C-alpha cells in the first residue's frame, strides 16, 4: 500500500515520518507597509484638498464676476430707459478728463402731448392747436414746455424765465 504524500491537512510525509507544518498565517501589516500606506494616503489627500480648494476659489471668483456683470446690466438698463425718456436733441457728452471721467447730460421729459398742424418753417404761422397740455393732470408743476427741439445749442443756451 502506498502512502499518500499529503495524508492530512497540515501534515506531510517525508521518509515515512510525519512532520507537522505550521498552520499559523501572518496577521497584520509590517511597520514599513504601514508607513508606506500613510505616505501614499497623505500625498493623495494633499492633491484632493488642493483640487477642492482651487474649485472653491474658481466658484467664488465666478460668483463675484456674475454679481459685477449683473450690476453693469442694471446700470445700462437704467441708462437706456433714462436716455429713451430724454428730450430729443438734448443728449450731450462732456469732454473726457485726463483721469478718463466723462459725463452724459440730457434734459428729462416729465410729460408729453401732441400738437396738430404745427408750422415749423420760418415763413409759417406760429399758431397751432395743442392737444391735452394740462401739466397738473400729469403730476408736473414748475416745468417748461419745449416744442420741436431741433438745435442742441439753443436748448442749453436759453435762459430760464423768471417768475
Protein backbone atom coordinates (compact mmCIF):
# COMPACT_ATOMS: atom_id res chain seq x y z
CA UNK A 1 0.00 0.00 0.00
CA UNK A 2 1.22 3.34 -0.91
CA UNK A 3 1.24 6.29 1.49
CA UNK A 4 -0.36 9.48 0.27
CA UNK A 5 2.16 12.36 0.28
CA UNK A 6 -0.42 14.50 1.97
CA UNK A 7 -2.15 12.34 4.49
CA UNK A 8 -3.87 15.05 6.40
CA UNK A 9 -4.22 18.77 6.12
CA UNK A 10 -1.13 20.34 7.54
CA UNK A 11 0.99 17.20 7.62
CA UNK A 12 3.41 15.88 5.02
CA UNK A 13 5.15 12.58 4.79
CA UNK A 14 8.89 12.58 4.44
CA UNK A 15 10.78 9.34 4.64
CA UNK A 16 7.73 7.79 6.22
CA UNK A 17 7.81 10.30 9.02
CA UNK A 18 5.10 12.80 9.65
CA UNK A 19 6.24 16.38 10.01
CA UNK A 20 3.66 18.86 11.18
CA UNK A 21 3.55 22.11 9.20
CA UNK A 22 2.75 25.40 10.82
CA UNK A 23 -0.91 26.30 10.34
CA UNK A 24 -0.45 29.88 11.54
CA UNK A 25 -0.66 32.60 8.89
CA UNK A 26 0.80 36.03 9.32
CA UNK A 27 -1.77 38.54 10.54
CA UNK A 28 -1.46 42.37 10.23
CA UNK A 29 0.99 44.66 8.47
CA UNK A 30 4.63 45.37 8.91
CA UNK A 31 5.74 48.83 10.01
CA UNK A 32 7.18 49.51 6.53
CA UNK A 33 3.83 48.72 4.90
CA UNK A 34 2.00 50.98 7.34
CA UNK A 35 4.40 53.91 6.81
CA UNK A 36 4.19 53.47 3.04
CA UNK A 37 0.36 53.44 3.16
CA UNK A 38 0.33 56.60 5.33
CA UNK A 39 2.70 58.43 2.96
CA UNK A 40 0.67 57.47 -0.13
CA UNK A 41 -2.58 58.46 1.61
CA UNK A 42 -1.07 61.80 2.62
CA UNK A 43 0.06 62.58 -0.93
CA UNK A 44 -3.40 61.71 -2.27
CA UNK A 45 -5.09 63.80 0.42
CA UNK A 46 -2.92 66.83 -0.36
CA UNK A 47 -3.79 66.51 -4.07
CA UNK A 48 -7.51 66.20 -3.37
CA UNK A 49 -7.53 69.13 -0.92
CA UNK A 50 -5.68 71.40 -3.37
CA UNK A 51 -8.10 70.39 -6.16
CA UNK A 52 -11.13 71.15 -3.99
CA UNK A 53 -9.57 74.43 -2.82
CA UNK A 54 -8.97 75.53 -6.42
CA UNK A 55 -12.56 74.60 -7.30
CA UNK A 56 -13.93 76.66 -4.41
CA UNK A 57 -11.76 79.65 -5.41
CA UNK A 58 -13.00 79.37 -9.00
CA UNK A 59 -16.61 79.23 -7.82
CA UNK A 60 -16.13 82.32 -5.64
CA UNK A 61 -14.45 84.24 -8.47
CA UNK A 62 -17.21 83.26 -10.88
CA UNK A 63 -19.92 84.36 -8.42
CA UNK A 64 -18.19 87.74 -7.95
CA UNK A 65 -17.90 88.25 -11.71
CA UNK A 66 -21.58 87.38 -12.11
CA UNK A 67 -22.55 89.99 -9.49
CA UNK A 68 -20.45 92.65 -11.24
CA UNK A 69 -21.97 91.77 -14.62
CA UNK A 70 -25.49 91.93 -13.14
CA UNK A 71 -24.75 95.37 -11.66
CA UNK A 72 -23.49 96.54 -15.04
CA UNK A 73 -26.61 95.23 -16.80
CA UNK A 74 -28.84 97.04 -14.28
CA UNK A 75 -26.91 100.29 -14.76
CA UNK A 76 -27.07 100.02 -18.56
CA UNK A 77 -30.80 99.23 -18.48
CA UNK A 78 -31.45 102.27 -16.31
CA UNK A 79 -29.31 104.49 -18.54
CA UNK A 80 -31.14 103.21 -21.64
CA UNK A 81 -34.51 103.97 -20.03
CA UNK A 82 -33.41 107.47 -18.96
CA UNK A 83 -31.95 108.27 -22.38
CA UNK A 84 -35.10 106.96 -24.07
CA UNK A 85 -37.11 109.45 -21.98
CA UNK A 86 -34.77 112.38 -22.69
CA UNK A 87 -35.80 115.45 -24.62
CA UNK A 88 -34.87 114.93 -28.29
CA UNK A 89 -31.55 116.57 -29.23
CA UNK A 90 -30.73 117.29 -25.58
CA UNK A 91 -28.24 114.44 -25.07
CA UNK A 92 -24.62 115.55 -24.96
CA UNK A 93 -21.36 114.21 -23.52
CA UNK A 94 -18.68 116.23 -21.79
CA UNK A 95 -15.05 116.08 -22.83
CA UNK A 96 -13.13 113.32 -21.09
CA UNK A 97 -10.86 114.44 -18.26
CA UNK A 98 -7.23 113.25 -18.03
CA UNK A 99 -8.45 110.69 -15.48
CA UNK A 100 -10.88 109.29 -18.06
CA UNK A 101 -14.06 110.62 -16.43
CA UNK A 102 -16.80 111.68 -18.80
CA UNK A 103 -20.39 112.77 -18.20
CA UNK A 104 -23.54 112.20 -20.22
CA UNK A 105 -26.01 115.05 -19.89
CA UNK A 106 -29.64 115.29 -21.02
CA UNK A 107 -32.90 117.02 -20.17
CA UNK A 108 -35.55 114.57 -19.00
CA UNK A 109 -39.11 114.74 -20.28
CA UNK A 110 -41.62 114.80 -17.44
CA UNK A 111 -44.78 114.88 -19.57
CA UNK A 112 -45.64 114.99 -23.25
CA UNK A 113 -48.50 115.86 -25.54
CA UNK A 114 -49.23 116.06 -29.25
CA UNK A 115 -49.93 119.03 -31.46
CA UNK A 116 -51.93 119.28 -34.67
CA UNK A 117 -50.83 121.07 -37.84
CA UNK A 118 -47.82 122.95 -36.49
CA UNK A 119 -45.81 125.12 -38.83
CA UNK A 120 -42.08 124.59 -38.34
CA UNK A 121 -40.87 126.64 -41.26
CA UNK A 122 -39.60 130.16 -40.76
CA UNK A 123 -42.25 131.66 -43.02
CA UNK A 124 -45.16 129.76 -41.49
CA UNK A 125 -47.63 130.73 -38.85
CA UNK A 126 -46.72 130.43 -35.20
CA UNK A 127 -50.24 129.29 -34.32
CA UNK A 128 -51.20 125.64 -33.96
CA UNK A 129 -53.51 123.50 -31.86
CA UNK A 130 -52.18 121.69 -28.76
CA UNK A 131 -53.95 118.56 -27.60
CA UNK A 132 -54.15 117.76 -23.88
CA UNK A 133 -51.46 120.06 -22.48
CA UNK A 134 -52.55 120.14 -18.85
CA UNK A 135 -49.37 119.60 -16.80
CA UNK A 136 -51.21 119.34 -13.49
CA UNK A 137 -53.05 116.23 -14.72
CA UNK A 138 -49.68 114.53 -15.28
CA UNK A 139 -48.27 115.45 -11.87
CA UNK A 140 -45.96 118.06 -13.40
CA UNK A 141 -45.51 121.52 -11.95
CA UNK A 142 -42.82 124.14 -12.37
CA UNK A 143 -41.62 122.76 -15.71
CA UNK A 144 -41.18 124.33 -19.13
CA UNK A 145 -42.80 123.41 -22.43
CA UNK A 146 -40.42 122.63 -25.27
CA UNK A 147 -41.73 122.47 -28.82
CA UNK A 148 -39.69 120.94 -31.63
CA UNK A 149 -36.20 120.96 -30.04
CA UNK A 150 -34.12 120.74 -33.22
CA UNK A 151 -30.99 122.63 -32.10
CA UNK A 152 -28.96 121.41 -29.12
CA UNK A 153 -27.13 124.69 -28.57
CA UNK A 154 -30.44 126.56 -28.33
CA UNK A 155 -31.83 124.03 -25.83
CA UNK A 156 -29.00 124.61 -23.36
CA UNK A 157 -28.41 128.32 -24.17
CA UNK A 158 -31.91 129.51 -23.39
CA UNK A 159 -32.18 131.31 -20.10
CA UNK A 160 -34.93 130.15 -17.83
CA UNK A 161 -37.82 132.59 -17.46
CA UNK A 162 -38.08 134.40 -14.15
CA UNK A 163 -41.25 134.22 -12.06
